[in-house]
Amino acid sequence: WIPALLTAGFLDGGPTYPTVYRRMHVWVTESGDLHRRTT
């Protein structure tokens, strides 16, 4: 927060923790069943 205050943009610096995403792939097999996989 100090660099953000010094540049006159309160909280412009952004978080220091990483932005983490989980992705899910959902697909239909040839037999018509639904499957999913999360990465």
PDB file of all heavy atoms in Angstrom:
ATOM      1  N   TRP A   1       0.778  -1.233   0.000  1.00  0.00           N
ATOM      2  CA  TRP A   1       0.000   0.000   0.000  1.00  0.00           C
ATOM      3  C   TRP A   1       0.811   1.286   0.000  1.00  0.00           C
ATOM      4  O   TRP A   1       0.325   2.328  -0.412  1.00  0.00           O
ATOM      5  CB  TRP A   1      -1.042  -0.008   1.111  1.00  0.00           C
ATOM      6  CG  TRP A   1      -0.556  -0.405   2.464  1.00  0.00           C
ATOM      7  CD1 TRP A   1      -0.566  -1.638   3.001  1.00  0.00           C
ATOM      8  CD2 TRP A   1       0.004   0.455   3.461  1.00  0.00           C
ATOM      9  NE1 TRP A   1      -0.041  -1.623   4.268  1.00  0.00           N
ATOM     10  CE2 TRP A   1       0.308  -0.331   4.583  1.00  0.00           C
ATOM     11  CE3 TRP A   1       0.284   1.819   3.526  1.00  0.00           C
ATOM     12  CZ2 TRP A   1       0.877   0.175   5.741  1.00  0.00           C
ATOM     13  CZ3 TRP A   1       0.852   2.331   4.681  1.00  0.00           C
ATOM     14  CH2 TRP A   1       1.133   1.514   5.760  1.00  0.00           C
ATOM     15  N   ILE A   2       2.062   1.291   0.445  1.00  0.00           N
ATOM     16  CA  ILE A   2       2.851   2.526   0.413  1.00  0.00           C
ATOM     17  C   ILE A   2       3.138   2.990  -1.021  1.00  0.00           C
ATOM     18  O   ILE A   2       2.917   4.155  -1.338  1.00  0.00           O
ATOM     19  CB  ILE A   2       4.144   2.402   1.246  1.00  0.00           C
ATOM     20  CG1 ILE A   2       3.772   2.416   2.736  1.00  0.00           C
ATOM     21  CG2 ILE A   2       5.128   3.532   0.931  1.00  0.00           C
ATOM     22  CD1 ILE A   2       4.930   2.285   3.676  1.00  0.00           C
ATOM     23  N   PRO A   3       3.608   2.128  -1.930  1.00  0.00           N
ATOM     24  CA  PRO A   3       3.812   2.591  -3.309  1.00  0.00           C
ATOM     25  C   PRO A   3       2.521   3.105  -3.950  1.00  0.00           C
ATOM     26  O   PRO A   3       2.541   4.058  -4.716  1.00  0.00           O
ATOM     27  CB  PRO A   3       4.323   1.351  -4.041  1.00  0.00           C
ATOM     28  CG  PRO A   3       4.890   0.488  -2.984  1.00  0.00           C
ATOM     29  CD  PRO A   3       4.080   0.756  -1.755  1.00  0.00           C
ATOM     30  N   ALA A   4       1.403   2.493  -3.602  1.00  0.00           N
ATOM     31  CA  ALA A   4       0.124   2.949  -4.155  1.00  0.00           C
ATOM     32  C   ALA A   4      -0.219   4.344  -3.652  1.00  0.00           C
ATOM     33  O   ALA A   4      -0.718   5.179  -4.407  1.00  0.00           O
ATOM     34  CB  ALA A   4      -0.989   1.967  -3.787  1.00  0.00           C
ATOM     35  N   LEU A   5       0.057   4.624  -2.377  1.00  0.00           N
ATOM     36  CA  LEU A   5      -0.206   5.954  -1.834  1.00  0.00           C
ATOM     37  C   LEU A   5       0.732   7.007  -2.427  1.00  0.00           C
ATOM     38  O   LEU A   5       0.327   8.141  -2.689  1.00  0.00           O
ATOM     39  CB  LEU A   5      -0.077   5.938  -0.312  1.00  0.00           C
ATOM     40  CG  LEU A   5      -1.151   5.177   0.459  1.00  0.00           C
ATOM     41  CD1 LEU A   5      -0.796   5.123   1.935  1.00  0.00           C
ATOM     42  CD2 LEU A   5      -2.501   5.834   0.259  1.00  0.00           C
ATOM     43  N   LEU A   6       1.967   6.627  -2.634  1.00  0.00           N
ATOM     44  CA  LEU A   6       2.941   7.580  -3.176  1.00  0.00           C
ATOM     45  C   LEU A   6       2.618   7.983  -4.620  1.00  0.00           C
ATOM     46  O   LEU A   6       2.938   9.081  -5.045  1.00  0.00           O
ATOM     47  CB  LEU A   6       4.347   6.990  -3.102  1.00  0.00           C
ATOM     48  CG  LEU A   6       4.909   6.809  -1.688  1.00  0.00           C
ATOM     49  CD1 LEU A   6       6.275   6.138  -1.743  1.00  0.00           C
ATOM     50  CD2 LEU A   6       5.004   8.147  -0.966  1.00  0.00           C
ATOM     51  N   THR A   7       2.004   7.104  -5.345  1.00  0.00           N
ATOM     52  CA  THR A   7       1.661   7.420  -6.739  1.00  0.00           C
ATOM     53  C   THR A   7       0.267   8.019  -6.834  1.00  0.00           C
ATOM     54  O   THR A   7      -0.253   8.172  -7.937  1.00  0.00           O
ATOM     55  CB  THR A   7       1.742   6.172  -7.624  1.00  0.00           C
ATOM     56  OG1 THR A   7       0.839   5.195  -7.124  1.00  0.00           O
ATOM     57  CG2 THR A   7       3.154   5.626  -7.671  1.00  0.00           C
ATOM     58  N   ALA A   8      -0.339   8.338  -5.717  1.00  0.00           N
ATOM     59  CA  ALA A   8      -1.673   8.964  -5.640  1.00  0.00           C
ATOM     60  C   ALA A   8      -2.774   8.084  -6.223  1.00  0.00           C
ATOM     61  O   ALA A   8      -3.844   8.560  -6.548  1.00  0.00           O
ATOM     62  CB  ALA A   8      -1.673  10.331  -6.311  1.00  0.00           C
ATOM     63  N   GLY A   9      -2.533   6.834  -6.348  1.00  0.00           N
ATOM     64  CA  GLY A   9      -3.579   5.912  -6.787  1.00  0.00           C
ATOM     65  C   GLY A   9      -3.781   4.873  -5.706  1.00  0.00           C
ATOM     66  O   GLY A   9      -3.050   3.891  -5.651  1.00  0.00           O
ATOM     67  N   PHE A  10      -4.731   5.100  -4.832  1.00  0.00           N
ATOM     68  CA  PHE A  10      -4.939   4.217  -3.693  1.00  0.00           C
ATOM     69  C   PHE A  10      -5.205   2.785  -4.159  1.00  0.00           C
ATOM     70  O   PHE A  10      -6.107   2.525  -4.934  1.00  0.00           O
ATOM     71  CB  PHE A  10      -6.088   4.711  -2.824  1.00  0.00           C
ATOM     72  CG  PHE A  10      -6.227   3.931  -1.554  1.00  0.00           C
ATOM     73  CD1 PHE A  10      -5.262   4.030  -0.566  1.00  0.00           C
ATOM     74  CD2 PHE A  10      -7.297   3.096  -1.361  1.00  0.00           C
ATOM     75  CE1 PHE A  10      -5.386   3.306   0.612  1.00  0.00           C
ATOM     76  CE2 PHE A  10      -7.425   2.366  -0.184  1.00  0.00           C
ATOM     77  CZ  PHE A  10      -6.464   2.477   0.796  1.00  0.00           C
ATOM     78  N   LEU A  11      -4.375   1.887  -3.697  1.00  0.00           N
ATOM     79  CA  LEU A  11      -4.447   0.460  -4.028  1.00  0.00           C
ATOM     80  C   LEU A  11      -4.294   0.179  -5.523  1.00  0.00           C
ATOM     81  O   LEU A  11      -4.813  -0.791  -6.031  1.00  0.00           O
ATOM     82  CB  LEU A  11      -5.742  -0.171  -3.491  1.00  0.00           C
ATOM     83  CG  LEU A  11      -5.889  -0.161  -1.972  1.00  0.00           C
ATOM     84  CD1 LEU A  11      -7.204  -0.802  -1.569  1.00  0.00           C
ATOM     85  CD2 LEU A  11      -4.739  -0.883  -1.301  1.00  0.00           C
ATOM     86  N   ASP A  12      -3.552   1.033  -6.235  1.00  0.00           N
ATOM     87  CA  ASP A  12      -3.268   0.767  -7.639  1.00  0.00           C
ATOM     88  C   ASP A  12      -2.236  -0.337  -7.812  1.00  0.00           C
ATOM     89  O   ASP A  12      -2.130  -0.924  -8.874  1.00  0.00           O
ATOM     90  CB  ASP A  12      -2.738   2.027  -8.342  1.00  0.00           C
ATOM     91  CG  ASP A  12      -3.858   2.867  -8.898  1.00  0.00           C
ATOM     92  OD1 ASP A  12      -5.008   2.406  -8.882  1.00  0.00           O
ATOM     93  OD2 ASP A  12      -3.565   3.998  -9.352  1.00  0.00           O
ATOM     94  N   GLY A  13      -1.453  -0.570  -6.795  1.00  0.00           N
ATOM     95  CA  GLY A  13      -0.382  -1.546  -6.901  1.00  0.00           C
ATOM     96  C   GLY A  13      -0.875  -2.954  -7.166  1.00  0.00           C
ATOM     97  O   GLY A  13      -0.202  -3.752  -7.781  1.00  0.00           O
ATOM     98  N   GLY A  14      -2.063  -3.272  -6.744  1.00  0.00           N
ATOM     99  CA  GLY A  14      -2.609  -4.609  -6.947  1.00  0.00           C
ATOM    100  C   GLY A  14      -2.090  -5.589  -5.911  1.00  0.00           C
ATOM    101  O   GLY A  14      -1.139  -5.310  -5.184  1.00  0.00           O
ATOM    102  N   PRO A  15      -2.703  -6.724  -5.841  1.00  0.00           N
ATOM    103  CA  PRO A  15      -2.317  -7.711  -4.829  1.00  0.00           C
ATOM    104  C   PRO A  15      -0.963  -8.348  -5.148  1.00  0.00           C
ATOM    105  O   PRO A  15      -0.548  -8.396  -6.307  1.00  0.00           O
ATOM    106  CB  PRO A  15      -3.439  -8.746  -4.911  1.00  0.00           C
ATOM    107  CG  PRO A  15      -3.962  -8.623  -6.299  1.00  0.00           C
ATOM    108  CD  PRO A  15      -3.805  -7.177  -6.671  1.00  0.00           C
ATOM    109  N   THR A  16      -0.294  -8.817  -4.103  1.00  0.00           N
ATOM    110  CA  THR A  16       0.969  -9.530  -4.300  1.00  0.00           C
ATOM    111  C   THR A  16       0.761 -11.030  -4.367  1.00  0.00           C
ATOM    112  O   THR A  16       1.679 -11.753  -4.706  1.00  0.00           O
ATOM    113  CB  THR A  16       1.968  -9.207  -3.174  1.00  0.00           C
ATOM    114  OG1 THR A  16       1.388  -9.595  -1.932  1.00  0.00           O
ATOM    115  CG2 THR A  16       2.327  -7.740  -3.161  1.00  0.00           C
ATOM    116  N   TYR A  17      -0.429 -11.504  -4.033  1.00  0.00           N
ATOM    117  CA  TYR A  17      -0.693 -12.939  -4.160  1.00  0.00           C
ATOM    118  C   TYR A  17      -1.057 -13.245  -5.619  1.00  0.00           C
ATOM    119  O   TYR A  17      -1.544 -12.392  -6.346  1.00  0.00           O
ATOM    120  CB  TYR A  17      -1.801 -13.398  -3.207  1.00  0.00           C
ATOM    121  CG  TYR A  17      -3.116 -12.677  -3.367  1.00  0.00           C
ATOM    122  CD1 TYR A  17      -4.039 -13.066  -4.324  1.00  0.00           C
ATOM    123  CD2 TYR A  17      -3.446 -11.606  -2.543  1.00  0.00           C
ATOM    124  CE1 TYR A  17      -5.245 -12.414  -4.480  1.00  0.00           C
ATOM    125  CE2 TYR A  17      -4.650 -10.942  -2.687  1.00  0.00           C
ATOM    126  CZ  TYR A  17      -5.549 -11.358  -3.658  1.00  0.00           C
ATOM    127  OH  TYR A  17      -6.741 -10.712  -3.808  1.00  0.00           O
ATOM    128  N   PRO A  18      -0.805 -14.455  -6.065  1.00  0.00           N
ATOM    129  CA  PRO A  18      -1.087 -14.789  -7.460  1.00  0.00           C
ATOM    130  C   PRO A  18      -2.589 -14.961  -7.702  1.00  0.00           C
ATOM    131  O   PRO A  18      -3.325 -15.373  -6.817  1.00  0.00           O
ATOM    132  CB  PRO A  18      -0.361 -16.122  -7.657  1.00  0.00           C
ATOM    133  CG  PRO A  18      -0.334 -16.727  -6.292  1.00  0.00           C
ATOM    134  CD  PRO A  18      -0.215 -15.570  -5.338  1.00  0.00           C
ATOM    135  N   THR A  19      -3.021 -14.638  -8.910  1.00  0.00           N
ATOM    136  CA  THR A  19      -4.398 -14.924  -9.302  1.00  0.00           C
ATOM    137  C   THR A  19      -4.411 -16.373  -9.794  1.00  0.00           C
ATOM    138  O   THR A  19      -3.692 -16.712 -10.737  1.00  0.00           O
ATOM    139  CB  THR A  19      -4.860 -13.981 -10.422  1.00  0.00           C
ATOM    140  OG1 THR A  19      -4.736 -12.643  -9.953  1.00  0.00           O
ATOM    141  CG2 THR A  19      -6.299 -14.262 -10.800  1.00  0.00           C
ATOM    142  N   VAL A  20      -5.198 -17.192  -9.133  1.00  0.00           N
ATOM    143  CA  VAL A  20      -5.213 -18.622  -9.433  1.00  0.00           C
ATOM    144  C   VAL A  20      -6.571 -19.001 -10.010  1.00  0.00           C
ATOM    145  O   VAL A  20      -7.606 -18.601  -9.480  1.00  0.00           O
ATOM    146  CB  VAL A  20      -4.926 -19.446  -8.151  1.00  0.00           C
ATOM    147  CG1 VAL A  20      -4.945 -20.935  -8.435  1.00  0.00           C
ATOM    148  CG2 VAL A  20      -3.605 -19.030  -7.543  1.00  0.00           C
ATOM    149  N   TYR A  21      -6.528 -19.759 -11.077  1.00  0.00           N
ATOM    150  CA  TYR A  21      -7.750 -20.236 -11.732  1.00  0.00           C
ATOM    151  C   TYR A  21      -7.738 -21.763 -11.800  1.00  0.00           C
ATOM    152  O   TYR A  21      -6.687 -22.369 -11.934  1.00  0.00           O
ATOM    153  CB  TYR A  21      -7.852 -19.723 -13.176  1.00  0.00           C
ATOM    154  CG  TYR A  21      -7.980 -18.237 -13.296  1.00  0.00           C
ATOM    155  CD1 TYR A  21      -6.891 -17.447 -13.616  1.00  0.00           C
ATOM    156  CD2 TYR A  21      -9.205 -17.618 -13.098  1.00  0.00           C
ATOM    157  CE1 TYR A  21      -7.007 -16.079 -13.742  1.00  0.00           C
ATOM    158  CE2 TYR A  21      -9.330 -16.251 -13.216  1.00  0.00           C
ATOM    159  CZ  TYR A  21      -8.236 -15.488 -13.535  1.00  0.00           C
ATOM    160  OH  TYR A  21      -8.352 -14.128 -13.644  1.00  0.00           O
ATOM    161  N   ARG A  22      -8.917 -22.328 -11.717  1.00  0.00           N
ATOM    162  CA  ARG A  22      -9.112 -23.745 -12.034  1.00  0.00           C
ATOM    163  C   ARG A  22      -9.897 -23.768 -13.329  1.00  0.00           C
ATOM    164  O   ARG A  22     -10.809 -22.965 -13.522  1.00  0.00           O
ATOM    165  CB  ARG A  22      -9.909 -24.460 -10.948  1.00  0.00           C
ATOM    166  CG  ARG A  22      -9.222 -24.515  -9.610  1.00  0.00           C
ATOM    167  CD  ARG A  22      -8.195 -25.589  -9.485  1.00  0.00           C
ATOM    168  NE  ARG A  22      -8.862 -26.863  -9.270  1.00  0.00           N
ATOM    169  CZ  ARG A  22      -8.314 -28.028  -9.539  1.00  0.00           C
ATOM    170  NH1 ARG A  22      -7.121 -28.091 -10.063  1.00  0.00           N
ATOM    171  NH2 ARG A  22      -8.961 -29.138  -9.316  1.00  0.00           N
ATOM    172  N   ARG A  23      -9.520 -24.632 -14.246  1.00  0.00           N
ATOM    173  CA  ARG A  23     -10.239 -24.767 -15.520  1.00  0.00           C
ATOM    174  C   ARG A  23     -10.858 -26.148 -15.585  1.00  0.00           C
ATOM    175  O   ARG A  23     -10.268 -27.124 -15.131  1.00  0.00           O
ATOM    176  CB  ARG A  23      -9.287 -24.587 -16.699  1.00  0.00           C
ATOM    177  CG  ARG A  23      -8.878 -23.144 -16.876  1.00  0.00           C
ATOM    178  CD  ARG A  23      -8.167 -22.923 -18.168  1.00  0.00           C
ATOM    179  NE  ARG A  23      -9.162 -22.858 -19.248  1.00  0.00           N
ATOM    180  CZ  ARG A  23      -8.891 -23.140 -20.507  1.00  0.00           C
ATOM    181  NH1 ARG A  23      -7.703 -23.519 -20.870  1.00  0.00           N
ATOM    182  NH2 ARG A  23      -9.828 -23.044 -21.426  1.00  0.00           N
ATOM    183  N   MET A  24     -12.047 -26.205 -16.139  1.00  0.00           N
ATOM    184  CA  MET A  24     -12.754 -27.471 -16.280  1.00  0.00           C
ATOM    185  C   MET A  24     -13.131 -27.664 -17.741  1.00  0.00           C
ATOM    186  O   MET A  24     -13.694 -26.775 -18.363  1.00  0.00           O
ATOM    187  CB  MET A  24     -14.028 -27.487 -15.425  1.00  0.00           C
ATOM    188  CG  MET A  24     -14.792 -28.797 -15.507  1.00  0.00           C
ATOM    189  SD  MET A  24     -16.392 -28.753 -14.658  1.00  0.00           S
ATOM    190  CE  MET A  24     -15.900 -28.400 -12.993  1.00  0.00           C
ATOM    191  N   HIS A  25     -12.782 -28.825 -18.253  1.00  0.00           N
ATOM    192  CA  HIS A  25     -13.145 -29.189 -19.617  1.00  0.00           C
ATOM    193  C   HIS A  25     -14.274 -30.214 -19.518  1.00  0.00           C
ATOM    194  O   HIS A  25     -14.120 -31.245 -18.876  1.00  0.00           O
ATOM    195  CB  HIS A  25     -11.933 -29.793 -20.334  1.00  0.00           C
ATOM    196  CG  HIS A  25     -12.191 -30.131 -21.758  1.00  0.00           C
ATOM    197  ND1 HIS A  25     -11.522 -31.133 -22.410  1.00  0.00           N
ATOM    198  CD2 HIS A  25     -13.037 -29.595 -22.673  1.00  0.00           C
ATOM    199  CE1 HIS A  25     -11.933 -31.208 -23.656  1.00  0.00           C
ATOM    200  NE2 HIS A  25     -12.865 -30.283 -23.833  1.00  0.00           N
ATOM    201  N   VAL A  26     -15.399 -29.909 -20.122  1.00  0.00           N
ATOM    202  CA  VAL A  26     -16.548 -30.818 -20.119  1.00  0.00           C
ATOM    203  C   VAL A  26     -16.818 -31.183 -21.573  1.00  0.00           C
ATOM    204  O   VAL A  26     -16.903 -30.312 -22.429  1.00  0.00           O
ATOM    205  CB  VAL A  26     -17.806 -30.159 -19.499  1.00  0.00           C
ATOM    206  CG1 VAL A  26     -18.958 -31.145 -19.454  1.00  0.00           C
ATOM    207  CG2 VAL A  26     -17.507 -29.638 -18.103  1.00  0.00           C
ATOM    208  N   TRP A  27     -16.935 -32.467 -21.843  1.00  0.00           N
ATOM    209  CA  TRP A  27     -17.169 -32.903 -23.215  1.00  0.00           C
ATOM    210  C   TRP A  27     -18.119 -34.086 -23.255  1.00  0.00           C
ATOM    211  O   TRP A  27     -18.339 -34.767 -22.251  1.00  0.00           O
ATOM    212  CB  TRP A  27     -15.845 -33.244 -23.901  1.00  0.00           C
ATOM    213  CG  TRP A  27     -15.173 -34.485 -23.399  1.00  0.00           C
ATOM    214  CD1 TRP A  27     -15.247 -35.738 -23.940  1.00  0.00           C
ATOM    215  CD2 TRP A  27     -14.308 -34.612 -22.267  1.00  0.00           C
ATOM    216  NE1 TRP A  27     -14.496 -36.620 -23.209  1.00  0.00           N
ATOM    217  CE2 TRP A  27     -13.899 -35.952 -22.185  1.00  0.00           C
ATOM    218  CE3 TRP A  27     -13.840 -33.708 -21.311  1.00  0.00           C
ATOM    219  CZ2 TRP A  27     -13.054 -36.430 -21.182  1.00  0.00           C
ATOM    220  CZ3 TRP A  27     -13.006 -34.181 -20.316  1.00  0.00           C
ATOM    221  CH2 TRP A  27     -12.617 -35.520 -20.253  1.00  0.00           C
ATOM    222  N   VAL A  28     -18.675 -34.317 -24.444  1.00  0.00           N
ATOM    223  CA  VAL A  28     -19.589 -35.437 -24.674  1.00  0.00           C
ATOM    224  C   VAL A  28     -18.833 -36.487 -25.476  1.00  0.00           C
ATOM    225  O   VAL A  28     -18.229 -36.182 -26.506  1.00  0.00           O
ATOM    226  CB  VAL A  28     -20.839 -34.976 -25.455  1.00  0.00           C
ATOM    227  CG1 VAL A  28     -21.775 -36.147 -25.696  1.00  0.00           C
ATOM    228  CG2 VAL A  28     -21.557 -33.873 -24.706  1.00  0.00           C
ATOM    229  N   THR A  29     -18.859 -37.739 -24.985  1.00  0.00           N
ATOM    230  CA  THR A  29     -18.199 -38.828 -25.707  1.00  0.00           C
ATOM    231  C   THR A  29     -19.080 -39.287 -26.869  1.00  0.00           C
ATOM    232  O   THR A  29     -20.229 -38.859 -27.001  1.00  0.00           O
ATOM    233  CB  THR A  29     -17.950 -40.022 -24.768  1.00  0.00           C
ATOM    234  OG1 THR A  29     -19.206 -40.515 -24.300  1.00  0.00           O
ATOM    235  CG2 THR A  29     -17.079 -39.618 -23.586  1.00  0.00           C
ATOM    236  N   GLU A  30     -18.533 -40.170 -27.692  1.00  0.00           N
ATOM    237  CA  GLU A  30     -19.300 -40.678 -28.833  1.00  0.00           C
ATOM    238  C   GLU A  30     -20.531 -41.467 -28.400  1.00  0.00           C
ATOM    239  O   GLU A  30     -21.520 -41.536 -29.114  1.00  0.00           O
ATOM    240  CB  GLU A  30     -18.406 -41.546 -29.714  1.00  0.00           C
ATOM    241  CG  GLU A  30     -17.384 -40.739 -30.464  1.00  0.00           C
ATOM    242  CD  GLU A  30     -16.574 -41.590 -31.420  1.00  0.00           C
ATOM    243  OE1 GLU A  30     -16.992 -42.719 -31.717  1.00  0.00           O
ATOM    244  OE2 GLU A  30     -15.527 -41.110 -31.866  1.00  0.00           O
ATOM    245  N   SER A  31     -20.467 -42.053 -27.199  1.00  0.00           N
ATOM    246  CA  SER A  31     -21.624 -42.802 -26.689  1.00  0.00           C
ATOM    247  C   SER A  31     -22.678 -41.878 -26.081  1.00  0.00           C
ATOM    248  O   SER A  31     -23.728 -42.347 -25.651  1.00  0.00           O
ATOM    249  CB  SER A  31     -21.163 -43.827 -25.656  1.00  0.00           C
ATOM    250  OG  SER A  31     -20.570 -43.178 -24.552  1.00  0.00           O
ATOM    251  N   GLY A  32     -22.384 -40.569 -26.010  1.00  0.00           N
ATOM    252  CA  GLY A  32     -23.355 -39.615 -25.491  1.00  0.00           C
ATOM    253  C   GLY A  32     -23.217 -39.302 -24.017  1.00  0.00           C
ATOM    254  O   GLY A  32     -24.022 -38.565 -23.454  1.00  0.00           O
ATOM    255  N   ASP A  33     -22.196 -39.871 -23.372  1.00  0.00           N
ATOM    256  CA  ASP A  33     -21.967 -39.611 -21.945  1.00  0.00           C
ATOM    257  C   ASP A  33     -21.187 -38.315 -21.769  1.00  0.00           C
ATOM    258  O   ASP A  33     -20.386 -37.924 -22.610  1.00  0.00           O
ATOM    259  CB  ASP A  33     -21.181 -40.755 -21.311  1.00  0.00           C
ATOM    260  CG  ASP A  33     -21.948 -42.067 -21.335  1.00  0.00           C
ATOM    261  OD1 ASP A  33     -23.186 -42.019 -21.279  1.00  0.00           O
ATOM    262  OD2 ASP A  33     -21.298 -43.126 -21.423  1.00  0.00           O
ATOM    263  N   LEU A  34     -21.419 -37.666 -20.650  1.00  0.00           N
ATOM    264  CA  LEU A  34     -20.743 -36.416 -20.326  1.00  0.00           C
ATOM    265  C   LEU A  34     -19.560 -36.707 -19.405  1.00  0.00           C
ATOM    266  O   LEU A  34     -19.682 -37.469 -18.446  1.00  0.00           O
ATOM    267  CB  LEU A  34     -21.746 -35.497 -19.614  1.00  0.00           C
ATOM    268  CG  LEU A  34     -21.611 -34.003 -19.760  1.00  0.00           C
ATOM    269  CD1 LEU A  34     -21.636 -33.588 -21.215  1.00  0.00           C
ATOM    270  CD2 LEU A  34     -22.702 -33.300 -19.003  1.00  0.00           C
ATOM    271  N   HIS A  35     -18.403 -36.114 -19.699  1.00  0.00           N
ATOM    272  CA  HIS A  35     -17.205 -36.263 -18.876  1.00  0.00           C
ATOM    273  C   HIS A  35     -16.651 -34.884 -18.562  1.00  0.00           C
ATOM    274  O   HIS A  35     -16.846 -33.942 -19.314  1.00  0.00           O
ATOM    275  CB  HIS A  35     -16.136 -37.079 -19.608  1.00  0.00           C
ATOM    276  CG  HIS A  35     -16.407 -38.537 -19.600  1.00  0.00           C
ATOM    277  ND1 HIS A  35     -15.817 -39.393 -18.714  1.00  0.00           N
ATOM    278  CD2 HIS A  35     -17.214 -39.294 -20.376  1.00  0.00           C
ATOM    279  CE1 HIS A  35     -16.249 -40.624 -18.939  1.00  0.00           C
ATOM    280  NE2 HIS A  35     -17.101 -40.581 -19.944  1.00  0.00           N
ATOM    281  N   ARG A  36     -15.913 -34.799 -17.449  1.00  0.00           N
ATOM    282  CA  ARG A  36     -15.264 -33.534 -17.102  1.00  0.00           C
ATOM    283  C   ARG A  36     -13.885 -33.813 -16.524  1.00  0.00           C
ATOM    284  O   ARG A  36     -13.626 -34.850 -15.922  1.00  0.00           O
ATOM    285  CB  ARG A  36     -16.124 -32.724 -16.137  1.00  0.00           C
ATOM    286  CG  ARG A  36     -16.354 -33.358 -14.814  1.00  0.00           C
ATOM    287  CD  ARG A  36     -17.258 -32.495 -13.930  1.00  0.00           C
ATOM    288  NE  ARG A  36     -17.754 -33.315 -12.856  1.00  0.00           N
ATOM    289  CZ  ARG A  36     -19.022 -33.386 -12.474  1.00  0.00           C
ATOM    290  NH1 ARG A  36     -19.925 -32.650 -13.067  1.00  0.00           N
ATOM    291  NH2 ARG A  36     -19.378 -34.159 -11.489  1.00  0.00           N
ATOM    292  N   ARG A  37     -13.014 -32.836 -16.734  1.00  0.00           N
ATOM    293  CA  ARG A  37     -11.655 -32.894 -16.200  1.00  0.00           C
ATOM    294  C   ARG A  37     -11.267 -31.489 -15.760  1.00  0.00           C
ATOM    295  O   ARG A  37     -11.407 -30.530 -16.508  1.00  0.00           O
ATOM    296  CB  ARG A  37     -10.681 -33.390 -17.253  1.00  0.00           C
ATOM    297  CG  ARG A  37      -9.247 -33.359 -16.798  1.00  0.00           C
ATOM    298  CD  ARG A  37      -8.443 -34.500 -17.372  1.00  0.00           C
ATOM    299  NE  ARG A  37      -7.037 -34.402 -17.032  1.00  0.00           N
ATOM    300  CZ  ARG A  37      -6.524 -34.781 -15.878  1.00  0.00           C
ATOM    301  NH1 ARG A  37      -7.305 -35.264 -14.946  1.00  0.00           N
ATOM    302  NH2 ARG A  37      -5.234 -34.684 -15.642  1.00  0.00           N
ATOM    303  N   THR A  38     -10.752 -31.385 -14.523  1.00  0.00           N
ATOM    304  CA  THR A  38     -10.365 -30.104 -13.952  1.00  0.00           C
ATOM    305  C   THR A  38      -8.845 -30.003 -13.921  1.00  0.00           C
ATOM    306  O   THR A  38      -8.163 -30.959 -13.543  1.00  0.00           O
ATOM    307  CB  THR A  38     -10.927 -29.963 -12.528  1.00  0.00           C
ATOM    308  OG1 THR A  38     -12.316 -30.250 -12.552  1.00  0.00           O
ATOM    309  CG2 THR A  38     -10.738 -28.568 -11.991  1.00  0.00           C
ATOM    310  N   THR A  39      -8.333 -28.832 -14.317  1.00  0.00           N
ATOM    311  CA  THR A  39      -6.888 -28.606 -14.292  1.00  0.00           C
ATOM    312  C   THR A  39      -6.602 -27.284 -13.576  1.00  0.00           C
ATOM    313  O   THR A  39      -7.504 -26.484 -13.358  1.00  0.00           O
ATOM    314  CB  THR A  39      -6.310 -28.532 -15.725  1.00  0.00           C
ATOM    315  OG1 THR A  39      -6.979 -27.505 -16.437  1.00  0.00           O
ATOM    316  CG2 THR A  39      -6.473 -29.850 -16.448  1.00  0.00           C
TER     317      THR A  39
END
